[in-house]
């Protein structure tokens, strides 16, 4: 599987989550709620959302870089 395919699959995962829960008026609103819920989860478990978000951003950048390097 190529890096671009992996990134598409990653985007599809969140798309599935957003369509699975019909509580939201739109995928955009769903994503906003998921991000807010993630912050609540961090509060409940003593995690720093900001630290985890920074780490996730670094993963995202690495995944983009890998996809770009593997482009034909």
N, C-alpha and C. Protein backbone atom coordinates (compact mmCIF):
# COMPACT_ATOMS: atom_id res chain seq x y z
N UNK A 1 0.84 -1.17 0.00
CA UNK A 1 0.00 0.00 0.00
C UNK A 1 0.89 1.23 0.00
N UNK A 2 0.57 2.17 -0.87
CA UNK A 2 1.38 3.39 -0.94
C UNK A 2 1.01 4.34 0.19
N UNK A 3 1.88 5.31 0.41
CA UNK A 3 1.63 6.30 1.46
C UNK A 3 0.37 7.10 1.16
N UNK A 4 0.14 7.43 -0.13
CA UNK A 4 -1.06 8.18 -0.48
C UNK A 4 -2.30 7.35 -0.19
N UNK A 5 -2.26 6.06 -0.51
CA UNK A 5 -3.38 5.18 -0.21
C UNK A 5 -3.61 5.13 1.29
N UNK A 6 -2.54 5.06 2.06
CA UNK A 6 -2.66 5.05 3.52
C UNK A 6 -3.32 6.32 4.02
N UNK A 7 -2.94 7.46 3.46
CA UNK A 7 -3.55 8.72 3.90
C UNK A 7 -5.01 8.78 3.50
N UNK A 8 -5.35 8.26 2.34
CA UNK A 8 -6.77 8.20 1.96
C UNK A 8 -7.55 7.31 2.93
N UNK A 9 -6.95 6.20 3.32
CA UNK A 9 -7.60 5.31 4.28
C UNK A 9 -7.76 6.00 5.63
N UNK A 10 -6.77 6.77 6.02
CA UNK A 10 -6.87 7.51 7.29
C UNK A 10 -8.03 8.49 7.23
N UNK A 11 -8.16 9.20 6.11
CA UNK A 11 -9.26 10.14 5.95
C UNK A 11 -10.60 9.40 5.92
N UNK A 12 -10.62 8.23 5.31
CA UNK A 12 -11.86 7.43 5.26
C UNK A 12 -12.29 6.99 6.66
N UNK A 13 -11.32 6.69 7.52
CA UNK A 13 -11.67 6.26 8.88
C UNK A 13 -12.48 7.33 9.58
N UNK A 14 -12.01 8.56 9.50
CA UNK A 14 -12.74 9.63 10.18
C UNK A 14 -14.07 9.86 9.48
N UNK A 15 -14.10 9.70 8.16
CA UNK A 15 -15.35 9.82 7.42
C UNK A 15 -16.38 8.80 7.89
N UNK A 16 -15.92 7.57 8.14
CA UNK A 16 -16.83 6.53 8.65
C UNK A 16 -17.36 6.89 10.03
N UNK A 17 -16.50 7.40 10.87
CA UNK A 17 -16.94 7.82 12.21
C UNK A 17 -17.99 8.92 12.10
N UNK A 18 -17.74 9.86 11.21
CA UNK A 18 -18.66 11.00 11.07
C UNK A 18 -20.01 10.57 10.50
N UNK A 19 -20.04 9.54 9.67
CA UNK A 19 -21.32 9.07 9.14
C UNK A 19 -21.98 8.06 10.08
N UNK A 20 -21.19 7.40 10.92
CA UNK A 20 -21.73 6.41 11.85
C UNK A 20 -22.66 7.05 12.88
N UNK A 21 -22.25 8.20 13.39
CA UNK A 21 -23.05 8.89 14.39
C UNK A 21 -23.88 9.95 13.70
N UNK A 22 -25.18 9.78 13.74
CA UNK A 22 -26.10 10.69 13.03
C UNK A 22 -26.53 11.88 13.89
N UNK A 23 -25.88 12.10 15.03
CA UNK A 23 -26.25 13.21 15.92
C UNK A 23 -25.89 14.57 15.35
N UNK A 24 -25.03 14.60 14.35
CA UNK A 24 -24.51 15.87 13.86
C UNK A 24 -25.26 16.33 12.63
N UNK A 25 -25.39 17.65 12.49
CA UNK A 25 -26.10 18.21 11.35
C UNK A 25 -25.27 18.17 10.07
N UNK A 26 -23.95 18.04 10.21
CA UNK A 26 -23.08 17.96 9.04
C UNK A 26 -21.76 17.31 9.46
N UNK A 27 -21.02 16.78 8.50
CA UNK A 27 -19.70 16.23 8.85
C UNK A 27 -18.80 17.27 9.52
N UNK A 28 -18.88 18.51 9.08
CA UNK A 28 -18.07 19.57 9.68
C UNK A 28 -18.41 19.74 11.16
N UNK A 29 -19.72 19.80 11.46
CA UNK A 29 -20.15 19.91 12.86
C UNK A 29 -19.73 18.68 13.65
N UNK A 30 -19.80 17.53 13.02
CA UNK A 30 -19.37 16.30 13.68
C UNK A 30 -17.90 16.32 14.05
N UNK A 31 -17.08 16.81 13.14
CA UNK A 31 -15.65 16.89 13.42
C UNK A 31 -15.37 17.86 14.56
N UNK A 32 -16.07 18.98 14.56
CA UNK A 32 -15.91 19.94 15.66
C UNK A 32 -16.27 19.28 16.98
N UNK A 33 -17.39 18.56 17.02
CA UNK A 33 -17.80 17.88 18.25
C UNK A 33 -16.80 16.80 18.66
N UNK A 34 -16.29 16.04 17.68
CA UNK A 34 -15.29 15.02 18.00
C UNK A 34 -14.05 15.63 18.63
N UNK A 35 -13.60 16.75 18.08
CA UNK A 35 -12.43 17.40 18.65
C UNK A 35 -12.70 17.91 20.06
N UNK A 36 -13.90 18.47 20.27
CA UNK A 36 -14.27 18.91 21.62
C UNK A 36 -14.36 17.72 22.56
N UNK A 37 -14.95 16.61 22.08
CA UNK A 37 -15.05 15.41 22.90
C UNK A 37 -13.68 14.85 23.25
N UNK A 38 -12.75 14.94 22.31
CA UNK A 38 -11.38 14.49 22.58
C UNK A 38 -10.75 15.31 23.71
N UNK A 39 -11.06 16.58 23.74
CA UNK A 39 -10.56 17.43 24.83
C UNK A 39 -11.15 16.99 26.17
N UNK A 40 -12.44 16.67 26.17
CA UNK A 40 -13.07 16.17 27.40
C UNK A 40 -12.43 14.85 27.83
N UNK A 41 -12.15 13.97 26.86
CA UNK A 41 -11.52 12.69 27.17
C UNK A 41 -10.16 12.94 27.81
N UNK A 42 -9.41 13.87 27.26
CA UNK A 42 -8.09 14.19 27.84
C UNK A 42 -8.23 14.70 29.27
N UNK A 43 -9.21 15.56 29.51
CA UNK A 43 -9.45 16.06 30.87
C UNK A 43 -9.73 14.90 31.83
N UNK A 44 -10.56 13.98 31.40
CA UNK A 44 -10.95 12.83 32.25
C UNK A 44 -9.79 11.89 32.52
N UNK A 45 -8.81 11.84 31.60
CA UNK A 45 -7.72 10.88 31.73
C UNK A 45 -6.36 11.53 32.03
N UNK A 46 -6.40 12.81 32.39
CA UNK A 46 -5.16 13.49 32.78
C UNK A 46 -4.16 13.65 31.65
N UNK A 47 -4.65 13.75 30.44
CA UNK A 47 -3.78 13.94 29.28
C UNK A 47 -3.85 15.40 28.83
N UNK A 48 -2.82 15.84 28.17
CA UNK A 48 -2.79 17.18 27.62
C UNK A 48 -3.20 17.12 26.15
N UNK A 49 -4.37 17.67 25.84
CA UNK A 49 -4.81 17.66 24.44
C UNK A 49 -3.80 18.40 23.57
N UNK A 50 -3.28 19.51 24.06
CA UNK A 50 -2.32 20.30 23.28
C UNK A 50 -1.08 19.47 22.94
N UNK A 51 -0.56 18.73 23.93
CA UNK A 51 0.62 17.90 23.68
C UNK A 51 0.30 16.79 22.67
N UNK A 52 -0.84 16.15 22.84
CA UNK A 52 -1.22 15.08 21.92
C UNK A 52 -1.48 15.63 20.52
N UNK A 53 -2.08 16.82 20.45
CA UNK A 53 -2.34 17.44 19.16
C UNK A 53 -1.05 17.78 18.45
N UNK A 54 -0.07 18.28 19.18
CA UNK A 54 1.24 18.58 18.57
C UNK A 54 1.87 17.30 18.03
N UNK A 55 1.77 16.23 18.80
CA UNK A 55 2.33 14.95 18.36
C UNK A 55 1.58 14.44 17.12
N UNK A 56 0.25 14.56 17.14
CA UNK A 56 -0.55 14.14 15.99
C UNK A 56 -0.18 14.96 14.75
N UNK A 57 0.07 16.24 14.92
CA UNK A 57 0.44 17.10 13.80
C UNK A 57 1.77 16.65 13.20
N UNK A 58 2.71 16.26 14.05
CA UNK A 58 3.99 15.76 13.55
C UNK A 58 3.79 14.46 12.77
N UNK A 59 2.92 13.59 13.25
CA UNK A 59 2.60 12.35 12.51
C UNK A 59 2.00 12.70 11.14
N UNK A 60 1.07 13.65 11.15
CA UNK A 60 0.42 14.09 9.91
C UNK A 60 1.46 14.60 8.91
N UNK A 61 2.37 15.46 9.37
CA UNK A 61 3.40 15.98 8.48
C UNK A 61 4.28 14.87 7.93
N UNK A 62 4.64 13.92 8.77
CA UNK A 62 5.47 12.79 8.32
C UNK A 62 4.72 11.95 7.29
N UNK A 63 3.43 11.75 7.50
CA UNK A 63 2.64 10.97 6.55
C UNK A 63 2.51 11.70 5.21
N UNK A 64 2.33 13.02 5.26
CA UNK A 64 2.29 13.80 4.01
C UNK A 64 3.62 13.72 3.28
N UNK A 65 4.71 13.86 4.03
CA UNK A 65 6.03 13.82 3.44
C UNK A 65 6.28 12.46 2.79
N UNK A 66 5.89 11.40 3.46
CA UNK A 66 6.07 10.06 2.89
C UNK A 66 5.27 9.91 1.60
N UNK A 67 4.04 10.40 1.60
CA UNK A 67 3.21 10.32 0.39
C UNK A 67 3.86 11.11 -0.75
N UNK A 68 4.37 12.29 -0.46
CA UNK A 68 5.01 13.11 -1.51
C UNK A 68 6.26 12.45 -2.06
N UNK A 69 7.03 11.82 -1.18
CA UNK A 69 8.25 11.14 -1.63
C UNK A 69 7.94 9.94 -2.50
N UNK A 70 6.78 9.33 -2.30
CA UNK A 70 6.40 8.13 -3.04
C UNK A 70 5.55 8.41 -4.27
N UNK A 71 5.28 9.69 -4.55
CA UNK A 71 4.52 10.04 -5.75
C UNK A 71 5.32 9.67 -6.99
N UNK A 72 4.62 9.23 -8.02
CA UNK A 72 5.35 8.88 -9.28
C UNK A 72 5.93 10.10 -9.96
